[in-house]
Amino acid sequence: MSVHPSVSSVPPAPPLPSSSGSAAAQAPTQTELLDFASRTAADAKLISSLPLDPEGRTWVRLQGPGGSEAWLIGWPPGTGTGWHDHADSVGAFVTASGELRENSLAARLPSDGWKTLELTEGVDRERRLPAGRGRSFGQHHVHEVLNESPDRHAVSVHAYYPPLPRIRRYSRTGQILRLEQVERPEDWQ
């Protein structure tokens, strides 16, 4: 299967600090996470094994490359994530079936120390990701992912490194982005 990823214009994350130096060399890159998500999304048997719920998203944790965190996620028609970021993790995702839309901000936001920001005009980006398409992203990438189909589930594969230390959730009204809550791994596992 040929995959033509839509890669973020965010530059690759700098090497992660390590006490030994060898862990940083083994950390998966955005490209490796995207390759893993693409290969996994092409596994028809795995994709069809995900139980789908008509009311809410379903997910199964996967073994990602190099100690990364990975998920297989089912999206009922009309569902989405809301605006969020993955803090200090880099990541990638690929649509395995159906189509997803990603809305994102083409601006690097401060990582901490703010509750409300006014976004400048022209920072909004939209990507349509049908089956077989995906993207990678850097740290502090703010986005929302949606299944806009009125009648069809979508399934996707996601991978993050380092494993998600937190997810920050935002609300958005026009050009105003507001930090609403910070979730930790224990909140979603």
Protein backbone atom coordinates (compact mmCIF):
# COMPACT_ATOMS: atom_id res chain seq x y z
CA MET A 1 0.00 0.00 0.00
CA SER A 2 1.36 3.38 -0.93
CA VAL A 3 1.01 6.06 1.71
CA HIS A 4 1.53 9.72 0.96
CA PRO A 5 1.71 11.44 4.33
CA SER A 6 0.96 15.08 4.83
CA VAL A 7 3.85 16.15 7.01
CA SER A 8 3.72 19.13 9.33
CA SER A 9 5.80 22.19 8.59
CA VAL A 10 6.91 22.18 12.23
CA PRO A 11 10.63 21.36 12.40
CA PRO A 12 11.62 18.07 14.02
CA ALA A 13 11.85 18.16 17.80
CA PRO A 14 15.34 18.50 19.24
CA PRO A 15 16.90 15.34 20.69
CA LEU A 16 15.45 14.44 24.05
CA PRO A 17 17.77 14.83 27.04
CA SER A 18 19.19 11.63 28.42
CA SER A 19 21.52 10.80 31.26
CA SER A 20 23.31 8.13 29.22
CA GLY A 21 23.05 9.68 25.78
CA SER A 22 21.95 6.38 24.22
CA ALA A 23 18.22 6.72 25.01
CA ALA A 24 17.97 9.89 22.92
CA ALA A 25 19.55 8.09 19.95
CA GLN A 26 16.92 5.33 20.26
CA ALA A 27 13.91 7.64 20.62
CA PRO A 28 11.63 7.27 17.59
CA THR A 29 11.50 10.26 15.27
CA GLN A 30 8.32 11.81 13.86
CA THR A 31 9.04 9.96 10.61
CA GLU A 32 9.38 6.63 12.41
CA LEU A 33 6.13 7.24 14.30
CA LEU A 34 4.39 8.05 11.01
CA ASP A 35 5.85 4.93 9.37
CA PHE A 36 4.61 2.80 12.30
CA ALA A 37 1.13 4.37 12.10
CA SER A 38 1.03 3.80 8.32
CA ARG A 39 2.07 0.14 8.57
CA THR A 40 -0.38 -0.49 11.41
CA ALA A 41 -3.23 1.28 9.59
CA ALA A 42 -2.64 -1.05 6.62
CA ASP A 43 -3.21 -4.14 8.83
CA ALA A 44 -6.81 -4.92 7.81
CA LYS A 45 -7.18 -7.72 10.36
CA LEU A 46 -6.15 -5.45 13.25
CA ILE A 47 -8.34 -2.58 12.06
CA SER A 48 -11.40 -4.80 11.72
CA SER A 49 -10.83 -6.21 15.23
CA LEU A 50 -11.54 -2.85 16.91
CA PRO A 51 -15.00 -2.89 18.50
CA LEU A 52 -16.97 0.13 17.28
CA ASP A 53 -19.52 1.90 19.45
CA PRO A 54 -22.23 4.02 17.78
CA GLU A 55 -22.23 6.45 20.72
CA GLY A 56 -18.59 7.16 21.57
CA ARG A 57 -14.99 6.67 20.57
CA THR A 58 -13.38 3.31 21.29
CA TRP A 59 -9.69 2.62 21.61
CA VAL A 60 -7.13 -0.10 22.15
CA ARG A 61 -3.61 0.56 23.31
CA LEU A 62 -0.89 -0.78 20.98
CA GLN A 63 2.82 -1.44 21.40
CA GLY A 64 4.52 1.47 19.67
CA PRO A 65 8.11 1.58 18.42
CA GLY A 66 10.99 2.52 20.72
CA GLY A 67 8.92 2.92 23.87
CA SER A 68 6.33 5.16 22.24
CA GLU A 69 2.67 5.18 23.20
CA ALA A 70 0.28 4.04 20.45
CA TRP A 71 -3.49 3.76 20.09
CA LEU A 72 -6.01 2.32 17.64
CA ILE A 73 -9.06 4.62 17.81
CA GLY A 74 -12.59 4.21 16.45
CA TRP A 75 -14.56 7.37 15.68
CA PRO A 76 -18.38 7.18 15.40
CA PRO A 77 -20.03 9.52 12.89
CA GLY A 78 -19.99 13.14 14.02
CA THR A 79 -17.41 12.79 16.81
CA GLY A 80 -14.20 14.66 17.52
CA THR A 81 -11.55 15.43 20.09
CA GLY A 82 -12.03 19.13 20.69
CA TRP A 83 -8.98 21.42 20.65
CA HIS A 84 -5.99 19.94 22.49
CA ASP A 85 -2.24 19.38 22.40
CA HIS A 86 0.07 16.58 23.50
CA ALA A 87 2.43 18.76 25.53
CA ASP A 88 6.07 17.68 25.14
CA SER A 89 5.37 14.66 22.95
CA VAL A 90 5.85 14.46 19.19
CA GLY A 91 3.38 12.31 17.33
CA ALA A 92 1.79 10.98 14.19
CA PHE A 93 -1.52 9.54 13.11
CA VAL A 94 -2.91 7.83 10.03
CA THR A 95 -6.52 7.22 9.05
CA ALA A 96 -7.07 3.49 8.51
CA SER A 97 -10.70 3.66 7.35
CA GLY A 98 -13.20 6.42 6.72
CA GLU A 99 -11.98 10.02 6.67
CA LEU A 100 -10.84 12.40 9.39
CA ARG A 101 -10.39 16.14 9.32
CA GLU A 102 -7.70 17.86 11.33
CA ASN A 103 -7.95 21.54 12.19
CA SER A 104 -4.68 22.88 13.55
CA LEU A 105 -2.85 26.08 14.37
CA ALA A 106 0.22 27.02 12.34
CA ALA A 107 1.76 28.87 15.26
CA ARG A 108 3.90 27.79 18.14
CA LEU A 109 2.12 28.70 21.35
CA PRO A 110 3.81 29.23 24.70
CA SER A 111 4.08 25.85 26.41
CA ASP A 112 3.01 27.04 29.86
CA GLY A 113 2.07 30.12 31.86
CA TRP A 114 -1.06 31.24 30.04
CA LYS A 115 -4.82 30.72 30.25
CA THR A 116 -6.14 32.79 27.32
CA LEU A 117 -4.54 33.79 24.01
CA GLU A 118 -5.78 35.84 21.09
CA LEU A 119 -4.75 34.11 17.87
CA THR A 120 -3.65 36.14 14.89
CA GLU A 121 -5.46 35.83 11.57
CA GLY A 122 -4.13 33.22 9.17
CA VAL A 123 -2.96 30.61 11.71
CA ASP A 124 -5.75 28.11 10.98
CA ARG A 125 -4.96 25.04 8.89
CA GLU A 126 -7.24 22.22 7.75
CA ARG A 127 -6.28 18.77 6.46
CA ARG A 128 -8.57 16.09 5.12
CA LEU A 129 -7.15 12.65 5.83
CA PRO A 130 -8.90 9.81 3.97
CA ALA A 131 -7.87 6.18 4.55
CA GLY A 132 -4.12 5.73 4.05
CA ARG A 133 -3.25 9.38 4.72
CA GLY A 134 -1.67 10.76 7.85
CA ARG A 135 0.62 13.35 9.33
CA SER A 136 3.25 13.85 11.95
CA PHE A 137 3.62 16.79 14.30
CA GLY A 138 6.00 18.32 16.81
CA GLN A 139 5.72 19.25 20.45
CA HIS A 140 2.91 21.58 21.58
CA HIS A 141 0.96 21.07 18.34
CA VAL A 142 -2.58 22.35 18.97
CA HIS A 143 -5.29 20.64 16.93
CA GLU A 144 -8.68 18.97 16.85
CA VAL A 145 -9.55 15.79 14.95
CA LEU A 146 -13.06 15.16 13.62
CA ASN A 147 -15.06 12.45 11.88
CA GLU A 148 -17.58 14.58 10.00
CA SER A 149 -19.32 11.69 8.27
CA PRO A 150 -23.02 11.54 9.12
CA ASP A 151 -23.15 7.75 8.80
CA ARG A 152 -19.71 6.11 8.70
CA HIS A 153 -17.18 5.23 11.39
CA ALA A 154 -13.53 6.16 10.92
CA VAL A 155 -10.59 4.29 12.44
CA SER A 156 -7.09 5.69 12.97
CA VAL A 157 -3.71 4.78 14.45
CA HIS A 158 -1.84 7.26 16.67
CA ALA A 159 1.68 7.16 18.15
CA TYR A 160 3.43 9.57 20.56
CA TYR A 161 6.90 9.88 22.04
CA PRO A 162 7.62 10.28 24.82
CA PRO A 163 4.48 8.54 26.11
CA LEU A 164 1.92 11.25 26.81
CA PRO A 165 2.79 13.08 30.03
CA ARG A 166 -0.36 15.20 29.72
CA ILE A 167 -2.94 16.52 27.31
CA ARG A 168 -4.05 20.12 27.50
CA ARG A 169 -7.65 20.77 26.42
CA TYR A 170 -8.77 24.12 25.04
CA SER A 171 -11.97 25.90 24.11
CA ARG A 172 -12.07 28.25 21.19
CA THR A 173 -14.37 31.16 20.42
CA GLY A 174 -13.37 32.97 17.24
CA GLN A 175 -9.71 33.91 17.65
CA ILE A 176 -9.69 33.36 21.44
CA LEU A 177 -8.10 30.12 22.64
CA ARG A 178 -8.62 29.30 26.32
CA LEU A 179 -6.90 26.56 28.36
CA GLU A 180 -9.72 24.61 30.05
CA GLN A 181 -8.04 21.61 31.68
CA VAL A 182 -4.93 19.48 31.86
CA GLU A 183 -5.34 15.69 31.77
CA ARG A 184 -2.75 13.23 32.99
CA PRO A 185 -2.37 9.55 31.92
CA GLU A 186 -4.38 8.29 34.88
CA ASP A 187 -7.37 10.28 33.55
CA TRP A 188 -7.68 8.22 30.35
CA GLN A 189 -6.13 4.80 30.99
